[in-house]
N, C-alpha and C. Protein backbone atom coordinates (compact mmCIF):
# COMPACT_ATOMS: atom_id res chain seq x y z
N MET A 1 0.87 -1.20 -0.04
CA MET A 1 0.06 -0.03 -0.05
C MET A 1 0.89 1.27 -0.01
N THR A 2 0.58 2.19 -0.93
CA THR A 2 1.43 3.40 -0.93
C THR A 2 0.95 4.33 0.19
N ASP A 3 1.90 5.09 0.59
CA ASP A 3 1.53 6.11 1.65
C ASP A 3 0.65 7.30 1.13
N GLN A 4 -0.50 7.43 1.89
CA GLN A 4 -1.37 8.51 1.52
C GLN A 4 -1.67 9.06 2.95
N ILE A 5 -0.90 10.14 3.31
CA ILE A 5 -1.00 10.65 4.66
C ILE A 5 -1.69 11.96 4.57
N ALA A 6 -2.72 12.20 5.40
CA ALA A 6 -3.49 13.45 5.45
C ALA A 6 -3.35 14.06 6.81
N ILE A 7 -2.64 15.04 7.06
CA ILE A 7 -2.59 15.67 8.36
C ILE A 7 -3.29 17.01 8.33
N ALA A 8 -4.45 17.03 9.23
CA ALA A 8 -5.24 18.34 9.16
C ALA A 8 -4.61 19.52 9.80
N THR A 9 -4.83 20.73 9.23
CA THR A 9 -4.38 21.98 9.90
C THR A 9 -4.75 21.88 11.32
N GLY A 10 -3.73 22.25 12.20
CA GLY A 10 -4.04 22.36 13.63
C GLY A 10 -3.54 21.01 14.37
N ALA A 11 -3.26 19.97 13.65
CA ALA A 11 -2.69 18.74 14.18
C ALA A 11 -1.27 18.98 14.51
N ILE A 12 -0.73 18.45 15.57
CA ILE A 12 0.63 18.47 15.93
C ILE A 12 1.23 17.16 15.93
N VAL A 13 2.05 16.87 14.86
CA VAL A 13 2.66 15.57 14.58
C VAL A 13 4.11 15.73 14.54
N CYS A 14 4.85 15.07 15.47
CA CYS A 14 6.28 15.28 15.50
C CYS A 14 6.89 14.56 14.29
N ALA A 15 7.97 15.10 13.78
CA ALA A 15 8.56 14.72 12.45
C ALA A 15 9.15 13.26 12.54
N ASP A 16 9.50 12.80 13.70
CA ASP A 16 10.11 11.46 13.73
C ASP A 16 9.12 10.35 13.91
N THR A 17 7.74 10.72 13.85
CA THR A 17 6.68 9.70 13.88
C THR A 17 6.78 8.96 12.53
N ILE A 18 6.70 7.61 12.71
CA ILE A 18 6.61 6.65 11.53
C ILE A 18 5.15 6.55 11.10
N ILE A 19 4.89 6.94 9.92
CA ILE A 19 3.50 6.81 9.40
C ILE A 19 3.55 6.16 8.05
N HIS A 20 2.91 4.95 7.82
CA HIS A 20 2.82 4.20 6.66
C HIS A 20 1.36 3.90 6.20
N GLY A 21 1.09 3.92 4.96
CA GLY A 21 -0.22 3.43 4.42
C GLY A 21 -1.17 4.68 4.27
N GLN A 22 -2.45 4.38 4.25
CA GLN A 22 -3.40 5.47 4.18
C GLN A 22 -3.88 5.84 5.57
N VAL A 23 -3.38 7.05 6.03
CA VAL A 23 -3.59 7.56 7.33
C VAL A 23 -4.16 8.99 7.30
N THR A 24 -5.14 9.18 8.07
CA THR A 24 -5.80 10.61 8.23
C THR A 24 -5.67 10.91 9.68
N ILE A 25 -5.10 12.19 10.02
CA ILE A 25 -5.05 12.61 11.38
C ILE A 25 -5.83 13.96 11.40
N GLY A 26 -6.77 14.02 12.33
CA GLY A 26 -7.63 15.21 12.45
C GLY A 26 -7.04 16.35 13.20
N THR A 27 -7.73 17.52 13.04
CA THR A 27 -7.25 18.73 13.68
C THR A 27 -7.22 18.59 15.19
N GLY A 28 -6.19 19.25 15.82
CA GLY A 28 -6.11 19.26 17.29
C GLY A 28 -5.43 18.08 17.81
N THR A 29 -5.20 17.00 16.98
CA THR A 29 -4.58 15.80 17.54
C THR A 29 -3.21 16.00 17.79
N VAL A 30 -2.56 15.45 18.85
CA VAL A 30 -1.19 15.57 19.13
C VAL A 30 -0.46 14.27 19.11
N VAL A 31 0.63 14.14 18.36
CA VAL A 31 1.27 12.85 18.14
C VAL A 31 2.78 13.08 18.60
N HIS A 32 3.16 12.64 19.76
CA HIS A 32 4.40 12.74 20.34
C HIS A 32 5.49 12.14 19.52
N PRO A 33 6.77 12.36 19.80
CA PRO A 33 7.91 11.65 19.11
C PRO A 33 7.79 10.18 19.30
N GLN A 34 8.41 9.45 18.23
CA GLN A 34 8.60 8.04 18.29
C GLN A 34 7.29 7.19 18.27
N CYS A 35 6.24 7.76 17.84
CA CYS A 35 4.97 6.95 17.53
C CYS A 35 5.02 6.31 16.26
N ARG A 36 4.28 5.27 16.15
CA ARG A 36 4.21 4.48 14.89
C ARG A 36 2.71 4.39 14.55
N ILE A 37 2.29 4.76 13.31
CA ILE A 37 1.02 4.69 12.84
C ILE A 37 1.09 3.89 11.51
N LEU A 38 0.69 2.73 11.58
CA LEU A 38 0.95 1.76 10.43
C LEU A 38 -0.28 1.18 9.87
N ALA A 39 -0.82 1.74 8.73
CA ALA A 39 -1.88 1.19 8.05
C ALA A 39 -1.47 0.10 7.06
N GLU A 40 -1.29 -1.14 7.55
CA GLU A 40 -0.74 -2.21 6.69
C GLU A 40 -1.64 -2.71 5.59
N LYS A 41 -2.90 -2.89 5.91
CA LYS A 41 -3.84 -3.19 4.90
C LYS A 41 -4.95 -2.17 4.73
N GLY A 42 -5.81 -1.90 5.74
CA GLY A 42 -6.76 -1.00 5.62
C GLY A 42 -6.35 0.39 6.18
N PRO A 43 -7.21 1.47 5.95
CA PRO A 43 -6.86 2.83 6.44
C PRO A 43 -6.96 2.99 7.78
N ILE A 44 -6.33 4.00 8.43
CA ILE A 44 -6.42 4.40 9.76
C ILE A 44 -6.89 5.87 9.68
N VAL A 45 -8.04 6.15 10.43
CA VAL A 45 -8.57 7.46 10.56
C VAL A 45 -8.51 7.86 12.10
N ILE A 46 -7.75 8.90 12.39
CA ILE A 46 -7.63 9.28 13.82
C ILE A 46 -8.42 10.66 13.73
N GLY A 47 -9.36 10.82 14.65
CA GLY A 47 -10.22 12.04 14.63
C GLY A 47 -9.55 13.28 15.33
N GLN A 48 -10.29 14.06 15.90
CA GLN A 48 -9.88 15.31 16.42
C GLN A 48 -9.52 15.20 17.91
N ASN A 49 -8.53 16.03 18.28
CA ASN A 49 -8.14 16.30 19.60
C ASN A 49 -7.80 15.01 20.42
N ASN A 50 -7.04 14.14 19.85
CA ASN A 50 -6.55 12.94 20.41
C ASN A 50 -5.19 13.19 20.91
N ILE A 51 -4.65 12.48 21.86
CA ILE A 51 -3.38 12.47 22.36
C ILE A 51 -2.68 11.19 22.19
N LEU A 52 -1.55 11.11 21.44
CA LEU A 52 -0.79 9.85 21.30
C LEU A 52 0.54 10.21 21.91
N ALA A 53 0.84 9.62 23.12
CA ALA A 53 2.17 9.88 23.72
C ALA A 53 3.32 9.16 23.22
N GLU A 54 4.44 9.34 23.68
CA GLU A 54 5.62 8.72 23.11
C GLU A 54 5.56 7.17 22.97
N CYS A 55 6.02 6.70 21.85
CA CYS A 55 6.14 5.30 21.55
C CYS A 55 4.79 4.49 21.42
N VAL A 56 3.67 5.26 21.10
CA VAL A 56 2.37 4.63 20.98
C VAL A 56 2.50 3.96 19.57
N THR A 57 1.79 2.81 19.41
CA THR A 57 1.72 2.15 18.12
C THR A 57 0.22 2.05 17.73
N ILE A 58 -0.18 2.57 16.57
CA ILE A 58 -1.50 2.40 16.13
C ILE A 58 -1.29 1.57 14.78
N ILE A 59 -1.95 0.28 14.77
CA ILE A 59 -1.66 -0.57 13.66
C ILE A 59 -3.04 -1.19 13.08
N ASN A 60 -3.24 -1.14 11.81
CA ASN A 60 -4.27 -1.78 11.18
C ASN A 60 -3.82 -2.91 10.26
N THR A 61 -4.07 -4.10 10.60
CA THR A 61 -3.73 -5.25 9.76
C THR A 61 -4.95 -5.90 9.07
N SER A 62 -6.13 -5.26 9.23
CA SER A 62 -7.39 -5.60 8.66
C SER A 62 -7.56 -4.77 7.34
N GLU A 63 -8.32 -5.28 6.50
CA GLU A 63 -8.77 -4.40 5.30
C GLU A 63 -9.88 -3.38 5.68
N GLU A 64 -10.55 -3.64 6.80
CA GLU A 64 -11.58 -2.66 7.26
C GLU A 64 -10.84 -1.44 7.89
N PRO A 65 -11.46 -0.22 7.81
CA PRO A 65 -10.85 0.92 8.44
C PRO A 65 -10.75 0.82 9.94
N LEU A 66 -9.72 1.29 10.45
CA LEU A 66 -9.51 1.39 11.98
C LEU A 66 -9.85 2.91 12.21
N VAL A 67 -10.96 3.20 12.98
CA VAL A 67 -11.37 4.48 13.14
C VAL A 67 -11.18 4.78 14.69
N ILE A 68 -10.44 5.85 14.96
CA ILE A 68 -10.29 6.41 16.34
C ILE A 68 -10.92 7.68 16.37
N HIS A 69 -11.97 7.81 17.09
CA HIS A 69 -12.86 8.99 17.06
C HIS A 69 -12.13 10.11 17.87
N ASN A 70 -12.79 10.92 18.73
CA ASN A 70 -12.25 12.09 19.26
C ASN A 70 -11.95 12.11 20.76
N TYR A 71 -11.01 12.86 21.13
CA TYR A 71 -10.69 13.08 22.62
C TYR A 71 -10.26 11.83 23.27
N ASN A 72 -9.36 11.16 22.67
CA ASN A 72 -8.85 9.79 23.27
C ASN A 72 -7.36 10.07 23.61
N THR A 73 -6.95 9.34 24.74
CA THR A 73 -5.55 9.45 25.12
C THR A 73 -5.01 8.07 25.08
N PHE A 74 -3.82 7.92 24.35
CA PHE A 74 -3.04 6.74 24.38
C PHE A 74 -1.71 7.06 24.98
N GLU A 75 -1.52 6.49 26.17
CA GLU A 75 -0.45 6.87 27.00
C GLU A 75 0.76 6.08 26.51
N VAL A 76 2.01 6.42 27.09
CA VAL A 76 3.28 5.93 26.64
C VAL A 76 3.44 4.42 26.46
N GLY A 77 3.89 4.01 25.28
CA GLY A 77 4.03 2.61 24.88
C GLY A 77 2.69 1.84 24.66
N SER A 78 1.53 2.46 24.66
CA SER A 78 0.35 1.66 24.37
C SER A 78 0.22 1.41 22.96
N THR A 79 -0.71 0.44 22.66
CA THR A 79 -0.86 -0.21 21.30
C THR A 79 -2.36 -0.25 21.05
N CYS A 80 -2.73 0.06 19.83
CA CYS A 80 -4.08 -0.11 19.42
C CYS A 80 -4.12 -0.76 18.00
N ALA A 81 -4.68 -1.98 17.92
CA ALA A 81 -4.84 -2.75 16.67
C ALA A 81 -6.37 -3.01 16.53
N GLY A 82 -7.20 -2.40 17.26
CA GLY A 82 -8.63 -2.62 17.15
C GLY A 82 -9.34 -2.27 15.93
N ARG A 83 -10.66 -2.41 15.95
CA ARG A 83 -11.47 -1.97 14.71
C ARG A 83 -11.99 -0.50 14.88
N SER A 84 -12.43 -0.04 16.15
CA SER A 84 -12.86 1.19 16.31
C SER A 84 -12.70 1.65 17.78
N VAL A 85 -12.42 2.89 18.04
CA VAL A 85 -12.28 3.44 19.30
C VAL A 85 -13.22 4.74 19.40
N GLY A 86 -14.11 4.81 20.37
CA GLY A 86 -15.18 5.80 20.39
C GLY A 86 -14.48 7.10 20.88
N ASN A 87 -15.19 7.88 21.76
CA ASN A 87 -14.76 9.17 22.21
C ASN A 87 -14.44 9.07 23.64
N HIS A 88 -13.48 9.93 24.04
CA HIS A 88 -13.01 10.10 25.52
C HIS A 88 -12.68 8.83 26.19
N ASN A 89 -11.79 8.11 25.52
CA ASN A 89 -11.21 6.92 26.12
C ASN A 89 -9.77 7.12 26.53
N VAL A 90 -9.24 6.21 27.41
CA VAL A 90 -7.82 6.34 27.88
C VAL A 90 -7.30 4.94 27.75
N VAL A 91 -6.24 4.79 27.09
CA VAL A 91 -5.40 3.51 27.09
C VAL A 91 -4.11 3.87 27.85
N GLU A 92 -4.01 3.35 29.05
CA GLU A 92 -2.84 3.77 29.82
C GLU A 92 -1.57 3.10 29.50
N ALA A 93 -0.43 3.50 30.12
CA ALA A 93 0.89 3.05 29.72
C ALA A 93 0.97 1.60 29.48
N ARG A 94 1.39 1.29 28.27
CA ARG A 94 1.52 -0.16 27.87
C ARG A 94 0.31 -0.98 27.80
N GLY A 95 -0.87 -0.28 27.76
CA GLY A 95 -2.09 -0.89 27.57
C GLY A 95 -2.22 -1.31 26.10
N ARG A 96 -3.09 -2.33 25.89
CA ARG A 96 -3.24 -2.79 24.42
C ARG A 96 -4.71 -3.08 24.12
N ILE A 97 -5.04 -2.53 23.03
CA ILE A 97 -6.41 -2.79 22.41
C ILE A 97 -6.07 -3.75 21.31
N LEU A 98 -6.39 -5.01 21.43
CA LEU A 98 -6.10 -6.09 20.37
C LEU A 98 -6.99 -6.11 19.22
N SER A 99 -6.48 -6.71 18.20
CA SER A 99 -7.11 -6.89 16.80
C SER A 99 -8.58 -7.13 16.92
N GLY A 100 -9.33 -6.29 16.13
CA GLY A 100 -10.81 -6.50 15.95
C GLY A 100 -11.67 -5.97 17.09
N THR A 101 -10.99 -5.42 18.10
CA THR A 101 -11.74 -4.86 19.23
C THR A 101 -12.51 -3.61 18.89
N VAL A 102 -13.77 -3.48 19.44
CA VAL A 102 -14.52 -2.24 19.39
C VAL A 102 -14.67 -1.67 20.81
N VAL A 103 -14.23 -0.41 20.94
CA VAL A 103 -14.19 0.27 22.32
C VAL A 103 -15.21 1.34 22.20
N GLY A 104 -16.17 1.38 23.10
CA GLY A 104 -17.30 2.33 23.26
C GLY A 104 -16.65 3.77 23.61
N ASN A 105 -17.48 4.47 24.42
CA ASN A 105 -17.10 5.83 24.90
C ASN A 105 -16.82 5.73 26.38
N HIS A 106 -15.82 6.63 26.83
CA HIS A 106 -15.51 6.82 28.24
C HIS A 106 -14.94 5.53 28.83
N CYS A 107 -14.21 4.74 28.09
CA CYS A 107 -13.63 3.48 28.67
C CYS A 107 -12.08 3.77 29.00
N VAL A 108 -11.61 2.86 29.83
CA VAL A 108 -10.17 2.98 30.31
C VAL A 108 -9.65 1.49 30.10
N VAL A 109 -8.51 1.36 29.55
CA VAL A 109 -7.73 0.15 29.62
C VAL A 109 -6.53 0.55 30.39
N GLY A 110 -6.34 -0.19 31.53
CA GLY A 110 -5.39 0.21 32.62
C GLY A 110 -3.97 -0.09 32.15
N PRO A 111 -2.96 0.36 32.87
CA PRO A 111 -1.64 0.09 32.60
C PRO A 111 -1.22 -1.40 32.40
N MET A 112 -0.62 -1.70 31.31
CA MET A 112 -0.23 -3.08 31.05
C MET A 112 -1.31 -4.08 30.92
N CYS A 113 -2.57 -3.58 30.75
CA CYS A 113 -3.74 -4.45 30.57
C CYS A 113 -4.03 -4.48 29.12
N ALA A 114 -4.90 -5.50 28.71
CA ALA A 114 -5.23 -5.74 27.35
C ALA A 114 -6.65 -6.17 27.18
N THR A 115 -7.35 -5.89 25.98
CA THR A 115 -8.55 -6.45 25.73
C THR A 115 -8.17 -7.83 25.18
N ALA A 116 -9.25 -8.58 24.96
CA ALA A 116 -9.08 -9.86 24.15
C ALA A 116 -9.25 -9.40 22.60
N GLU A 117 -8.90 -10.32 21.75
CA GLU A 117 -9.07 -10.13 20.26
C GLU A 117 -10.50 -10.11 20.04
N ASN A 118 -11.02 -9.31 19.05
CA ASN A 118 -12.44 -9.14 18.67
C ASN A 118 -13.40 -8.87 19.86
N ASP A 119 -12.84 -8.22 20.82
CA ASP A 119 -13.71 -8.01 22.13
C ASP A 119 -14.51 -6.72 21.83
N THR A 120 -15.43 -6.42 22.76
CA THR A 120 -16.23 -5.21 22.73
C THR A 120 -16.22 -4.63 24.14
N LEU A 121 -15.79 -3.35 24.28
CA LEU A 121 -15.95 -2.71 25.52
C LEU A 121 -17.12 -1.73 25.44
N GLU A 122 -18.11 -1.98 26.24
CA GLU A 122 -19.24 -1.19 26.34
C GLU A 122 -18.93 0.20 26.92
N ASP A 123 -19.66 1.18 26.72
CA ASP A 123 -19.45 2.51 27.34
C ASP A 123 -19.14 2.46 28.81
N HIS A 124 -18.17 3.28 29.21
CA HIS A 124 -17.77 3.39 30.61
C HIS A 124 -17.15 2.15 31.30
N THR A 125 -16.69 1.21 30.44
CA THR A 125 -15.89 -0.01 30.86
C THR A 125 -14.55 0.37 31.31
N VAL A 126 -14.01 -0.27 32.46
CA VAL A 126 -12.57 -0.10 32.91
C VAL A 126 -11.99 -1.43 32.87
N VAL A 127 -10.88 -1.68 32.26
CA VAL A 127 -10.14 -2.97 32.31
C VAL A 127 -9.04 -2.72 33.24
N PHE A 128 -8.72 -3.57 34.21
CA PHE A 128 -7.73 -3.26 35.21
C PHE A 128 -7.22 -4.53 35.78
N GLY A 129 -6.01 -4.43 36.45
CA GLY A 129 -5.39 -5.59 37.27
C GLY A 129 -4.82 -6.65 36.39
N GLU A 130 -4.13 -7.54 37.08
CA GLU A 130 -3.35 -8.67 36.39
C GLU A 130 -4.26 -9.58 35.69
N THR A 131 -5.47 -9.75 36.13
CA THR A 131 -6.40 -10.74 35.51
C THR A 131 -7.39 -10.04 34.55
N MET A 132 -7.13 -8.78 34.11
CA MET A 132 -7.90 -8.02 33.29
C MET A 132 -9.42 -7.94 33.73
N ASN A 133 -9.54 -7.60 35.00
CA ASN A 133 -10.86 -7.45 35.58
C ASN A 133 -11.58 -6.25 34.83
N ARG A 134 -12.98 -6.27 34.97
CA ARG A 134 -13.80 -5.17 34.37
C ARG A 134 -14.77 -4.70 35.34
N ARG A 135 -15.00 -3.41 35.24
CA ARG A 135 -16.04 -2.83 36.04
C ARG A 135 -16.63 -1.68 35.19
N THR A 136 -17.73 -1.01 35.71
CA THR A 136 -18.36 0.12 35.08
C THR A 136 -17.85 1.30 35.79
N GLN A 137 -17.40 2.34 35.07
CA GLN A 137 -16.93 3.62 35.68
C GLN A 137 -17.96 4.48 36.08
N THR A 138 -17.90 4.93 37.22
CA THR A 138 -19.05 5.95 37.71
C THR A 138 -18.68 7.37 37.89
N SER A 139 -17.36 7.67 37.54
CA SER A 139 -16.97 9.10 37.87
C SER A 139 -17.66 10.11 36.81
N ASN A 140 -17.52 11.32 37.10
CA ASN A 140 -18.03 12.35 36.27
C ASN A 140 -17.36 12.78 35.03
N PRO A 141 -17.74 12.31 33.85
CA PRO A 141 -16.88 12.67 32.74
C PRO A 141 -16.73 14.21 32.32
N LYS A 142 -17.57 15.06 32.85
CA LYS A 142 -17.44 16.47 32.57
C LYS A 142 -16.24 16.98 33.32
N ALA A 143 -16.10 16.53 34.46
CA ALA A 143 -14.93 16.94 35.31
C ALA A 143 -13.66 16.53 34.66
N GLN A 144 -13.68 15.27 34.14
CA GLN A 144 -12.41 14.78 33.52
C GLN A 144 -12.16 15.46 32.14
N PHE A 145 -13.26 15.87 31.48
CA PHE A 145 -13.04 16.48 30.15
C PHE A 145 -12.32 17.87 30.33
N ALA A 146 -12.74 18.56 31.33
CA ALA A 146 -12.13 19.92 31.63
C ALA A 146 -10.56 19.80 31.93
N LEU A 147 -10.09 18.69 32.58
CA LEU A 147 -8.74 18.41 32.76
C LEU A 147 -8.12 18.08 31.45
N TYR A 148 -8.76 17.24 30.69
CA TYR A 148 -8.20 16.69 29.38
C TYR A 148 -8.04 17.98 28.49
N ALA A 149 -8.94 18.86 28.43
CA ALA A 149 -8.85 20.00 27.58
C ALA A 149 -7.61 20.88 27.92
N LYS A 150 -7.31 21.01 29.17
CA LYS A 150 -6.08 21.79 29.61
C LYS A 150 -4.83 20.99 29.22
N HIS A 151 -4.87 19.64 29.38
CA HIS A 151 -3.68 18.86 29.01
C HIS A 151 -3.42 19.01 27.64
N LEU A 152 -4.55 18.81 26.73
CA LEU A 152 -4.38 18.91 25.28
C LEU A 152 -3.82 20.31 24.83
N LYS A 153 -4.42 21.40 25.39
CA LYS A 153 -3.83 22.66 25.16
C LYS A 153 -2.38 22.90 25.50
N TYR A 154 -1.96 22.44 26.65
CA TYR A 154 -0.67 22.52 27.03
C TYR A 154 0.38 21.76 26.06
N LEU A 155 -0.04 20.49 25.62
CA LEU A 155 0.82 19.84 24.69
C LEU A 155 0.86 20.42 23.33
N GLN A 156 -0.32 21.12 22.92
CA GLN A 156 -0.32 21.68 21.59
C GLN A 156 0.53 23.01 21.63
N ASP A 157 0.67 23.65 22.80
CA ASP A 157 1.62 24.75 22.96
C ASP A 157 3.09 24.34 23.13
N LEU A 158 3.35 23.22 23.86
CA LEU A 158 4.60 22.83 24.19
C LEU A 158 5.38 22.10 23.12
N LEU A 159 4.84 21.13 22.55
CA LEU A 159 5.60 20.28 21.56
C LEU A 159 6.17 21.06 20.43
N PRO A 160 5.54 21.95 19.86
CA PRO A 160 6.09 22.70 18.67
C PRO A 160 7.40 23.42 19.12
N ARG A 161 7.44 23.78 20.39
CA ARG A 161 8.70 24.58 20.79
C ARG A 161 9.99 23.69 20.77
N TYR A 162 9.71 22.44 21.01
CA TYR A 162 11.03 21.59 21.30
C TYR A 162 11.17 20.36 20.27
N ASN A 163 10.20 20.35 19.32
CA ASN A 163 10.19 19.19 18.28
C ASN A 163 10.01 19.70 16.93
N HIS A 164 10.72 19.04 15.98
CA HIS A 164 10.34 19.37 14.56
C HIS A 164 8.98 18.76 14.18
N LEU A 165 8.15 19.29 13.47
CA LEU A 165 6.84 18.91 13.14
C LEU A 165 6.70 18.51 11.69
N ARG A 166 5.71 17.56 11.46
CA ARG A 166 5.41 17.27 10.03
C ARG A 166 4.36 18.44 9.63
N LYS A 167 4.41 18.83 8.37
CA LYS A 167 3.40 19.88 8.03
C LYS A 167 2.07 19.31 7.69
N ALA A 168 1.02 20.12 7.82
CA ALA A 168 -0.25 19.85 7.55
C ALA A 168 -0.43 19.56 6.02
N THR A 169 -1.15 18.55 5.63
CA THR A 169 -1.31 18.19 4.22
C THR A 169 -2.84 18.20 3.82
N ALA A 170 -3.74 18.51 4.74
CA ALA A 170 -5.16 18.51 4.42
C ALA A 170 -5.78 19.69 4.93
């Protein structure tokens, strides 16, 4: 697959990010150094205002699109090979969304935790602990969103000061 990379105006994508295949990155999304976005078979569509921390891997080995919607955080070393990720989710450090998985909204995959392949995380699901326990989150998403917005703005201001960036193409 030839590279077809579309980076929206307002996206912050560090120059040393490895991007292959058909990839679209939405406005406001922040991609830290040393991330890998690999559309091996099907396209990857990353929505608006997402945060991909250092060493995150987003990979699509399916012919179906991998769609990551808006306001998601992928923390250091996390991996996403799922089919779709909704809005306002967090994949904590070294967390993994495995192949074919569908993630709803307001979900958390804990540090070093993983989904099963072809799994479904309903809205507000938290995956945690050594045995990948699950529970339903009861915290207030509005309070979390205010903090997320501040974090995103901070990164959008800080990263361009200290990193070379890829230019917008869309």
